[in-house]
Amino acid sequence: MRQSSGIWEDVSELISFHKGTRHGTAFGISRKEWNRINKLTNHEK
């Protein structure tokens, strides 16, 4: 969900999570940060 101009909007179709993700907090990161995390954790989409 996101709020814009006081109205809540369902954005479920705009986001994705790794297979097996069950709960947690979603937050934005830069492409540079993502590349570093991906390299360190050896995860692939």
N, C-alpha and C. Protein backbone atom coordinates (compact mmCIF):
# COMPACT_ATOMS: atom_id res chain seq x y z
N MET A 1 0.84 -1.17 0.00
CA MET A 1 0.00 0.00 0.00
C MET A 1 0.89 1.24 0.00
N ARG A 2 0.42 2.26 -0.64
CA ARG A 2 1.08 3.56 -0.56
C ARG A 2 0.01 4.63 -0.50
N GLN A 3 0.40 5.74 0.07
CA GLN A 3 -0.55 6.83 0.21
C GLN A 3 -0.14 7.97 -0.70
N SER A 4 -1.10 8.47 -1.45
CA SER A 4 -0.87 9.59 -2.34
C SER A 4 -2.07 10.52 -2.25
N SER A 5 -1.84 11.76 -1.93
CA SER A 5 -2.91 12.76 -1.80
C SER A 5 -4.01 12.30 -0.83
N GLY A 6 -3.60 11.62 0.25
CA GLY A 6 -4.56 11.19 1.26
C GLY A 6 -5.34 9.95 0.91
N ILE A 7 -5.04 9.32 -0.23
CA ILE A 7 -5.76 8.12 -0.67
C ILE A 7 -4.78 6.94 -0.67
N TRP A 8 -5.19 5.82 -0.04
CA TRP A 8 -4.36 4.62 -0.03
C TRP A 8 -4.56 3.85 -1.33
N GLU A 9 -3.48 3.37 -1.90
CA GLU A 9 -3.52 2.66 -3.18
C GLU A 9 -2.79 1.32 -3.04
N ASP A 10 -3.39 0.24 -3.55
CA ASP A 10 -2.78 -1.09 -3.54
C ASP A 10 -1.72 -1.15 -4.63
N VAL A 11 -0.48 -1.40 -4.26
CA VAL A 11 0.62 -1.47 -5.23
C VAL A 11 1.20 -2.89 -5.32
N SER A 12 0.42 -3.88 -4.92
CA SER A 12 0.88 -5.26 -4.89
C SER A 12 1.48 -5.72 -6.22
N GLU A 13 0.90 -5.30 -7.32
CA GLU A 13 1.38 -5.73 -8.63
C GLU A 13 2.68 -5.04 -9.04
N LEU A 14 3.12 -4.04 -8.28
CA LEU A 14 4.33 -3.29 -8.62
C LEU A 14 5.56 -3.76 -7.86
N ILE A 15 5.39 -4.70 -6.93
CA ILE A 15 6.52 -5.15 -6.12
C ILE A 15 6.71 -6.65 -6.24
N SER A 16 7.91 -7.12 -5.92
CA SER A 16 8.17 -8.55 -5.91
C SER A 16 9.18 -8.86 -4.82
N PHE A 17 9.16 -10.08 -4.33
CA PHE A 17 10.05 -10.54 -3.29
C PHE A 17 10.66 -11.86 -3.71
N HIS A 18 11.83 -12.18 -3.17
CA HIS A 18 12.47 -13.46 -3.46
C HIS A 18 11.56 -14.60 -3.03
N LYS A 19 11.62 -15.70 -3.75
CA LYS A 19 10.85 -16.88 -3.40
C LYS A 19 11.16 -17.28 -1.96
N GLY A 20 10.13 -17.58 -1.20
CA GLY A 20 10.30 -18.00 0.18
C GLY A 20 10.21 -16.87 1.19
N THR A 21 10.16 -15.62 0.73
CA THR A 21 10.02 -14.50 1.64
C THR A 21 8.67 -14.59 2.33
N ARG A 22 8.67 -14.48 3.65
CA ARG A 22 7.42 -14.64 4.39
C ARG A 22 6.97 -13.35 5.05
N HIS A 23 7.87 -12.58 5.59
CA HIS A 23 7.50 -11.33 6.24
C HIS A 23 8.74 -10.47 6.38
N GLY A 24 8.54 -9.23 6.70
CA GLY A 24 9.67 -8.33 6.88
C GLY A 24 9.31 -6.92 6.46
N THR A 25 10.31 -6.12 6.38
CA THR A 25 10.14 -4.73 6.01
C THR A 25 10.73 -4.49 4.63
N ALA A 26 9.98 -3.85 3.77
CA ALA A 26 10.47 -3.51 2.43
C ALA A 26 10.96 -2.07 2.46
N PHE A 27 12.08 -1.82 1.81
CA PHE A 27 12.62 -0.47 1.74
C PHE A 27 13.39 -0.31 0.44
N GLY A 28 13.50 0.91 -0.01
CA GLY A 28 14.18 1.19 -1.26
C GLY A 28 15.68 1.27 -1.10
N ILE A 29 16.42 0.78 -2.08
CA ILE A 29 17.87 0.90 -2.11
C ILE A 29 18.30 1.26 -3.53
N SER A 30 19.49 1.77 -3.65
CA SER A 30 20.02 2.13 -4.97
C SER A 30 20.48 0.87 -5.70
N ARG A 31 20.68 1.00 -7.00
CA ARG A 31 21.19 -0.12 -7.81
C ARG A 31 22.57 -0.54 -7.30
N LYS A 32 23.40 0.44 -6.91
CA LYS A 32 24.74 0.15 -6.38
C LYS A 32 24.65 -0.68 -5.10
N GLU A 33 23.73 -0.29 -4.21
CA GLU A 33 23.54 -1.05 -2.97
C GLU A 33 23.04 -2.47 -3.27
N TRP A 34 22.10 -2.59 -4.20
CA TRP A 34 21.57 -3.90 -4.58
C TRP A 34 22.67 -4.79 -5.13
N ASN A 35 23.49 -4.25 -6.01
CA ASN A 35 24.58 -5.05 -6.59
C ASN A 35 25.53 -5.55 -5.51
N ARG A 36 25.83 -4.71 -4.53
CA ARG A 36 26.72 -5.10 -3.43
C ARG A 36 26.08 -6.21 -2.59
N ILE A 37 24.82 -6.04 -2.21
CA ILE A 37 24.12 -7.07 -1.42
C ILE A 37 24.04 -8.37 -2.20
N ASN A 38 23.69 -8.27 -3.47
CA ASN A 38 23.55 -9.46 -4.31
C ASN A 38 24.89 -10.20 -4.40
N LYS A 39 25.97 -9.47 -4.54
CA LYS A 39 27.30 -10.08 -4.62
C LYS A 39 27.67 -10.76 -3.30
N LEU A 40 27.41 -10.08 -2.19
CA LEU A 40 27.77 -10.62 -0.87
C LEU A 40 26.95 -11.82 -0.46
N THR A 41 25.68 -11.87 -0.87
CA THR A 41 24.80 -12.96 -0.45
C THR A 41 24.69 -14.06 -1.50
N ASN A 42 25.23 -13.79 -2.69
CA ASN A 42 25.21 -14.77 -3.77
C ASN A 42 23.79 -15.14 -4.20
N HIS A 43 22.84 -14.21 -4.03
CA HIS A 43 21.46 -14.44 -4.47
C HIS A 43 21.31 -14.03 -5.92
N GLU A 44 20.46 -14.73 -6.61
CA GLU A 44 20.14 -14.36 -7.98
C GLU A 44 18.64 -14.33 -8.12
N LYS A 45 18.13 -13.40 -8.89
CA LYS A 45 16.68 -13.29 -9.07
C LYS A 45 16.17 -14.36 -9.98
